[in-house]
Amino acid sequence: MSTDLAATEVPDFMTTLTDAVRKKRDRPSASSVILALLQAEKTAKQQRITYPLEPLIGDWRLWFTAPRTHLQKGKVLGKGLYVPQFAPARISFFGEEQLLISNQIQLGSLRFKLTGSAQYFSKKNLLAFDFNRMQLYLFNRAIYDGNRSKNMASSFNEKPIAKLPFFAFFLVNEDFIAARGRGGGIALWVRN
């Protein structure tokens, strides 16, 4: 799918994104949400908006994602989708001394969870992370719990950012957050 930006009036991105996360019916189309996210990202870059870590702390539910969506010659390429309610995906940022990240997806009674170290660079709104623990639950009982390495936390701090996965946040408020991942996809999460 391709949408010409010149021929399309881009609505106020905050209104579109707010409608996307609050409405159960008549939500904005996927292409409208992608355009709103791209406009939010552009605005954050142009205005050099920075966000502190504190508003990110907590549990967030993945609401919308658009893998490897990008602009090319004034067009939006790729499709985005609202994440189905029957397969919730969540991300959490927590920790007092060391920032940690948890990412999980659930399908019925089966839940897959990754946990690891994270570091936030507020001048760039960049959260780098590395997962070192994987857990699999069935009916809330752990059926697998494994660590990749006992020394992952120390090796994480030694790795350059260029070799770590990351999220570059471009919109953070009390209701939702939006970021672009290292792979180029964009995502919108709502507070859980």
C-alpha atoms as a PDB file:
ATOM      1  CA  MET A   1       0.000   0.000   0.000  1.00  0.00           C
ATOM      2  CA  SER A   2       1.257   3.440  -0.845  1.00  0.00           C
ATOM      3  CA  THR A   3      -0.214   6.782   0.207  1.00  0.00           C
ATOM      4  CA  ASP A   4       0.887  10.009  -1.438  1.00  0.00           C
ATOM      5  CA  LEU A   5       1.605  12.601   1.275  1.00  0.00           C
ATOM      6  CA  ALA A   6       1.163  15.534  -1.087  1.00  0.00           C
ATOM      7  CA  ALA A   7      -2.353  14.424  -2.041  1.00  0.00           C
ATOM      8  CA  THR A   8      -3.391  13.507   1.505  1.00  0.00           C
ATOM      9  CA  GLU A   9      -4.166  16.069   4.167  1.00  0.00           C
ATOM     10  CA  VAL A  10      -2.290  14.906   7.260  1.00  0.00           C
ATOM     11  CA  PRO A  11      -4.565  15.418  10.273  1.00  0.00           C
ATOM     12  CA  ASP A  12      -3.274  16.521  13.660  1.00  0.00           C
ATOM     13  CA  PHE A  13      -1.196  13.505  14.675  1.00  0.00           C
ATOM     14  CA  MET A  14      -2.132  13.680  18.356  1.00  0.00           C
ATOM     15  CA  THR A  15      -5.850  13.529  17.540  1.00  0.00           C
ATOM     16  CA  THR A  16      -5.320  10.539  15.252  1.00  0.00           C
ATOM     17  CA  LEU A  17      -3.152   8.684  17.781  1.00  0.00           C
ATOM     18  CA  THR A  18      -5.520   9.457  20.665  1.00  0.00           C
ATOM     19  CA  ASP A  19      -8.448   8.151  18.606  1.00  0.00           C
ATOM     20  CA  ALA A  20      -6.412   5.073  17.690  1.00  0.00           C
ATOM     21  CA  VAL A  21      -5.830   4.120  21.331  1.00  0.00           C
ATOM     22  CA  ARG A  22      -9.210   5.141  22.781  1.00  0.00           C
ATOM     23  CA  LYS A  23     -11.809   4.141  20.193  1.00  0.00           C
ATOM     24  CA  LYS A  24     -13.000   0.557  19.997  1.00  0.00           C
ATOM     25  CA  ARG A  25     -15.025   1.203  16.849  1.00  0.00           C
ATOM     26  CA  ASP A  26     -14.355   3.519  13.956  1.00  0.00           C
ATOM     27  CA  ARG A  27     -10.661   3.692  14.769  1.00  0.00           C
ATOM     28  CA  PRO A  28      -8.425   5.525  12.309  1.00  0.00           C
ATOM     29  CA  SER A  29      -7.179   3.397   9.422  1.00  0.00           C
ATOM     30  CA  ALA A  30      -3.753   1.780   9.636  1.00  0.00           C
ATOM     31  CA  SER A  31      -2.394   4.181   7.015  1.00  0.00           C
ATOM     32  CA  SER A  32      -3.698   7.169   9.025  1.00  0.00           C
ATOM     33  CA  VAL A  33      -1.975   5.865  12.155  1.00  0.00           C
ATOM     34  CA  ILE A  34       1.277   5.322  10.239  1.00  0.00           C
ATOM     35  CA  LEU A  35       1.114   8.883   8.880  1.00  0.00           C
ATOM     36  CA  ALA A  36       0.405  10.222  12.384  1.00  0.00           C
ATOM     37  CA  LEU A  37       3.346   8.278  13.841  1.00  0.00           C
ATOM     38  CA  LEU A  38       5.659   9.517  11.089  1.00  0.00           C
ATOM     39  CA  GLN A  39       4.482  13.094  11.683  1.00  0.00           C
ATOM     40  CA  ALA A  40       5.075  12.700  15.446  1.00  0.00           C
ATOM     41  CA  GLU A  41       8.570  11.373  14.735  1.00  0.00           C
ATOM     42  CA  LYS A  42       9.324  14.236  12.346  1.00  0.00           C
ATOM     43  CA  THR A  43       8.048  16.804  14.859  1.00  0.00           C
ATOM     44  CA  ALA A  44      10.161  15.335  17.680  1.00  0.00           C
ATOM     45  CA  LYS A  45      13.272  15.510  15.470  1.00  0.00           C
ATOM     46  CA  GLN A  46      12.580  19.025  14.212  1.00  0.00           C
ATOM     47  CA  GLN A  47      11.844  20.369  17.683  1.00  0.00           C
ATOM     48  CA  ARG A  48      14.602  18.281  19.299  1.00  0.00           C
ATOM     49  CA  ILE A  49      12.193  17.010  21.934  1.00  0.00           C
ATOM     50  CA  THR A  50      13.775  14.918  24.675  1.00  0.00           C
ATOM     51  CA  TYR A  51      12.012  12.761  27.228  1.00  0.00           C
ATOM     52  CA  PRO A  52      13.246  11.725  30.673  1.00  0.00           C
ATOM     53  CA  LEU A  53      13.216   8.047  31.638  1.00  0.00           C
ATOM     54  CA  GLU A  54      10.605   8.347  34.410  1.00  0.00           C
ATOM     55  CA  PRO A  55       7.484   8.512  32.167  1.00  0.00           C
ATOM     56  CA  LEU A  56       8.582   5.282  30.433  1.00  0.00           C
ATOM     57  CA  ILE A  57       8.734   3.280  33.663  1.00  0.00           C
ATOM     58  CA  GLY A  58       5.812   0.895  33.934  1.00  0.00           C
ATOM     59  CA  ASP A  59       3.848  -1.616  31.883  1.00  0.00           C
ATOM     60  CA  TRP A  60       2.787  -0.920  28.300  1.00  0.00           C
ATOM     61  CA  ARG A  61       0.636  -2.910  25.914  1.00  0.00           C
ATOM     62  CA  LEU A  62       1.536  -3.035  22.240  1.00  0.00           C
ATOM     63  CA  TRP A  63      -1.381  -1.441  20.425  1.00  0.00           C
ATOM     64  CA  PHE A  64      -0.214  -0.821  16.876  1.00  0.00           C
ATOM     65  CA  THR A  65       2.839  -1.780  14.860  1.00  0.00           C
ATOM     66  CA  ALA A  66       4.139  -1.152  11.375  1.00  0.00           C
ATOM     67  CA  PRO A  67       7.198  -3.247  10.528  1.00  0.00           C
ATOM     68  CA  ARG A  68       9.888  -1.514   8.493  1.00  0.00           C
ATOM     69  CA  THR A  69       7.586   1.313   7.503  1.00  0.00           C
ATOM     70  CA  HIS A  70       9.410   4.239   5.992  1.00  0.00           C
ATOM     71  CA  LEU A  71       8.987   7.237   3.745  1.00  0.00           C
ATOM     72  CA  GLN A  72      10.309   7.130   0.244  1.00  0.00           C
ATOM     73  CA  LYS A  73       9.684   9.864  -2.318  1.00  0.00           C
ATOM     74  CA  GLY A  74       6.689  11.217  -0.383  1.00  0.00           C
ATOM     75  CA  LYS A  75       4.959   7.871   0.056  1.00  0.00           C
ATOM     76  CA  VAL A  76       4.272   5.595   2.991  1.00  0.00           C
ATOM     77  CA  LEU A  77       5.317   2.053   2.191  1.00  0.00           C
ATOM     78  CA  GLY A  78       4.128  -0.999   4.077  1.00  0.00           C
ATOM     79  CA  LYS A  79       1.119  -1.885   6.159  1.00  0.00           C
ATOM     80  CA  GLY A  80       0.531  -1.482   9.839  1.00  0.00           C
ATOM     81  CA  LEU A  81      -1.865  -3.298  12.096  1.00  0.00           C
ATOM     82  CA  TYR A  82      -3.679  -3.003  15.363  1.00  0.00           C
ATOM     83  CA  VAL A  83      -2.437  -5.834  17.594  1.00  0.00           C
ATOM     84  CA  PRO A  84      -5.280  -8.334  18.204  1.00  0.00           C
ATOM     85  CA  GLN A  85      -6.721  -8.316  21.720  1.00  0.00           C
ATOM     86  CA  PHE A  86      -6.600 -12.133  21.913  1.00  0.00           C
ATOM     87  CA  ALA A  87      -2.776 -12.108  21.679  1.00  0.00           C
ATOM     88  CA  PRO A  88      -1.636  -9.273  23.947  1.00  0.00           C
ATOM     89  CA  ALA A  89       2.000  -8.211  23.779  1.00  0.00           C
ATOM     90  CA  ARG A  90       3.453  -6.191  26.632  1.00  0.00           C
ATOM     91  CA  ILE A  91       6.665  -4.345  27.349  1.00  0.00           C
ATOM     92  CA  SER A  92       7.781  -3.174  30.784  1.00  0.00           C
ATOM     93  CA  PHE A  93      10.572  -0.935  31.998  1.00  0.00           C
ATOM     94  CA  PHE A  94      11.502  -1.231  35.673  1.00  0.00           C
ATOM     95  CA  GLY A  95      14.310  -1.424  38.202  1.00  0.00           C
ATOM     96  CA  GLU A  96      15.747   0.697  40.957  1.00  0.00           C
ATOM     97  CA  GLU A  97      19.511   0.303  40.631  1.00  0.00           C
ATOM     98  CA  GLN A  98      19.667  -1.217  37.136  1.00  0.00           C
ATOM     99  CA  LEU A  99      17.126  -0.492  34.396  1.00  0.00           C
ATOM    100  CA  LEU A 100      15.486  -3.691  33.181  1.00  0.00           C
ATOM    101  CA  ILE A 101      13.197  -4.500  30.280  1.00  0.00           C
ATOM    102  CA  SER A 102      10.615  -7.243  29.924  1.00  0.00           C
ATOM    103  CA  ASN A 103       8.841  -8.150  26.700  1.00  0.00           C
ATOM    104  CA  GLN A 104       6.111 -10.769  26.573  1.00  0.00           C
ATOM    105  CA  ILE A 105       3.355 -12.120  24.378  1.00  0.00           C
ATOM    106  CA  GLN A 106       0.443 -14.289  25.410  1.00  0.00           C
ATOM    107  CA  LEU A 107      -1.779 -16.576  23.375  1.00  0.00           C
ATOM    108  CA  GLY A 108      -4.460 -18.193  25.476  1.00  0.00           C
ATOM    109  CA  SER A 109      -2.823 -19.933  28.425  1.00  0.00           C
ATOM    110  CA  LEU A 110       0.663 -19.845  26.856  1.00  0.00           C
ATOM    111  CA  ARG A 111       2.952 -16.882  27.673  1.00  0.00           C
ATOM    112  CA  PHE A 112       6.463 -16.238  26.340  1.00  0.00           C
ATOM    113  CA  LYS A 113       8.600 -13.685  28.233  1.00  0.00           C
ATOM    114  CA  LEU A 114      12.044 -12.173  27.669  1.00  0.00           C
ATOM    115  CA  THR A 115      13.840 -10.102  30.327  1.00  0.00           C
ATOM    116  CA  GLY A 116      17.137  -8.263  30.272  1.00  0.00           C
ATOM    117  CA  SER A 117      19.208  -5.185  30.957  1.00  0.00           C
ATOM    118  CA  ALA A 118      18.482  -1.775  29.485  1.00  0.00           C
ATOM    119  CA  GLN A 119      20.062   1.645  29.393  1.00  0.00           C
ATOM    120  CA  TYR A 120      18.361   4.928  28.516  1.00  0.00           C
ATOM    121  CA  PHE A 121      20.119   7.806  26.767  1.00  0.00           C
ATOM    122  CA  SER A 122      17.764  10.757  27.295  1.00  0.00           C
ATOM    123  CA  LYS A 123      19.588  13.163  24.967  1.00  0.00           C
ATOM    124  CA  LYS A 124      18.656  10.861  22.082  1.00  0.00           C
ATOM    125  CA  ASN A 125      15.492   9.276  23.571  1.00  0.00           C
ATOM    126  CA  LEU A 126      17.224   5.970  22.950  1.00  0.00           C
ATOM    127  CA  LEU A 127      16.659   2.861  25.048  1.00  0.00           C
ATOM    128  CA  ALA A 128      19.215   0.135  24.317  1.00  0.00           C
ATOM    129  CA  PHE A 129      18.597  -3.340  25.690  1.00  0.00           C
ATOM    130  CA  ASP A 130      19.718  -6.938  25.617  1.00  0.00           C
ATOM    131  CA  PHE A 131      17.596  -9.896  26.675  1.00  0.00           C
ATOM    132  CA  ASN A 132      19.325 -12.557  28.754  1.00  0.00           C
ATOM    133  CA  ARG A 133      16.470 -14.529  30.288  1.00  0.00           C
ATOM    134  CA  MET A 134      13.720 -16.452  28.543  1.00  0.00           C
ATOM    135  CA  GLN A 135      10.665 -17.898  30.266  1.00  0.00           C
ATOM    136  CA  LEU A 136       7.747 -19.919  28.984  1.00  0.00           C
ATOM    137  CA  TYR A 137       4.569 -20.253  31.029  1.00  0.00           C
ATOM    138  CA  LEU A 138       1.573 -22.515  30.640  1.00  0.00           C
ATOM    139  CA  PHE A 139      -1.434 -21.682  32.816  1.00  0.00           C
ATOM    140  CA  ASN A 140       0.826 -19.236  34.751  1.00  0.00           C
ATOM    141  CA  ARG A 141       3.259 -22.029  35.656  1.00  0.00           C
ATOM    142  CA  ALA A 142       6.823 -21.795  34.399  1.00  0.00           C
ATOM    143  CA  ILE A 143       7.612 -24.694  32.078  1.00  0.00           C
ATOM    144  CA  TYR A 144      10.942 -23.220  30.977  1.00  0.00           C
ATOM    145  CA  ASP A 145      13.187 -20.674  32.691  1.00  0.00           C
ATOM    146  CA  GLY A 146      16.648 -20.128  31.266  1.00  0.00           C
ATOM    147  CA  ASN A 147      19.453 -17.580  31.309  1.00  0.00           C
ATOM    148  CA  ARG A 148      21.730 -17.070  28.318  1.00  0.00           C
ATOM    149  CA  SER A 149      24.656 -16.127  30.525  1.00  0.00           C
ATOM    150  CA  LYS A 150      25.298 -15.295  34.142  1.00  0.00           C
ATOM    151  CA  ASN A 151      27.597 -12.415  33.171  1.00  0.00           C
ATOM    152  CA  MET A 152      25.193 -10.764  30.717  1.00  0.00           C
ATOM    153  CA  ALA A 153      24.620  -7.647  32.847  1.00  0.00           C
ATOM    154  CA  SER A 154      28.317  -6.812  32.940  1.00  0.00           C
ATOM    155  CA  SER A 155      28.861  -7.606  29.241  1.00  0.00           C
ATOM    156  CA  PHE A 156      25.791  -5.513  28.353  1.00  0.00           C
ATOM    157  CA  ASN A 157      27.425  -2.402  29.808  1.00  0.00           C
ATOM    158  CA  GLU A 158      30.548  -3.059  27.749  1.00  0.00           C
ATOM    159  CA  LYS A 159      28.773  -3.441  24.387  1.00  0.00           C
ATOM    160  CA  PRO A 160      28.597  -0.430  22.065  1.00  0.00           C
ATOM    161  CA  ILE A 161      25.085   0.818  21.305  1.00  0.00           C
ATOM    162  CA  ALA A 162      25.620   0.044  17.624  1.00  0.00           C
ATOM    163  CA  LYS A 163      25.612  -3.672  18.476  1.00  0.00           C
ATOM    164  CA  LEU A 164      22.489  -3.615  20.682  1.00  0.00           C
ATOM    165  CA  PRO A 165      18.799  -3.600  19.821  1.00  0.00           C
ATOM    166  CA  PHE A 166      17.120  -0.317  20.754  1.00  0.00           C
ATOM    167  CA  PHE A 167      13.975   1.781  20.673  1.00  0.00           C
ATOM    168  CA  ALA A 168      14.201   5.448  19.658  1.00  0.00           C
ATOM    169  CA  PHE A 169      11.212   7.056  21.401  1.00  0.00           C
ATOM    170  CA  PHE A 170       9.636  10.010  19.628  1.00  0.00           C
ATOM    171  CA  LEU A 171       6.408  10.396  21.609  1.00  0.00           C
ATOM    172  CA  VAL A 172       5.917   9.846  25.325  1.00  0.00           C
ATOM    173  CA  ASN A 173       2.915  10.867  27.389  1.00  0.00           C
ATOM    174  CA  GLU A 174       0.914   9.397  30.276  1.00  0.00           C
ATOM    175  CA  ASP A 175      -1.434   7.401  27.990  1.00  0.00           C
ATOM    176  CA  PHE A 176       0.808   6.097  25.207  1.00  0.00           C
ATOM    177  CA  ILE A 177       4.355   5.929  23.885  1.00  0.00           C
ATOM    178  CA  ALA A 178       5.728   5.533  20.368  1.00  0.00           C
ATOM    179  CA  ALA A 179       9.145   4.486  19.095  1.00  0.00           C
ATOM    180  CA  ARG A 180      11.087   3.246  16.121  1.00  0.00           C
ATOM    181  CA  GLY A 181      13.075   0.066  16.589  1.00  0.00           C
ATOM    182  CA  ARG A 182      16.535  -0.685  15.307  1.00  0.00           C
ATOM    183  CA  GLY A 183      15.014  -2.717  12.457  1.00  0.00           C
ATOM    184  CA  GLY A 184      13.090   0.320  11.197  1.00  0.00           C
ATOM    185  CA  GLY A 185       9.599  -0.625  12.381  1.00  0.00           C
ATOM    186  CA  ILE A 186       7.440   1.732  14.404  1.00  0.00           C
ATOM    187  CA  ALA A 187       5.201   0.867  17.328  1.00  0.00           C
ATOM    188  CA  LEU A 188       2.581   2.460  19.549  1.00  0.00           C
ATOM    189  CA  TRP A 189       2.010   1.173  23.103  1.00  0.00           C
ATOM    190  CA  VAL A 190      -0.703   2.124  25.599  1.00  0.00           C
ATOM    191  CA  ARG A 191      -0.292   2.166  29.357  1.00  0.00           C
ATOM    192  CA  ASN A 192      -1.404  -1.151  30.786  1.00  0.00           C
END
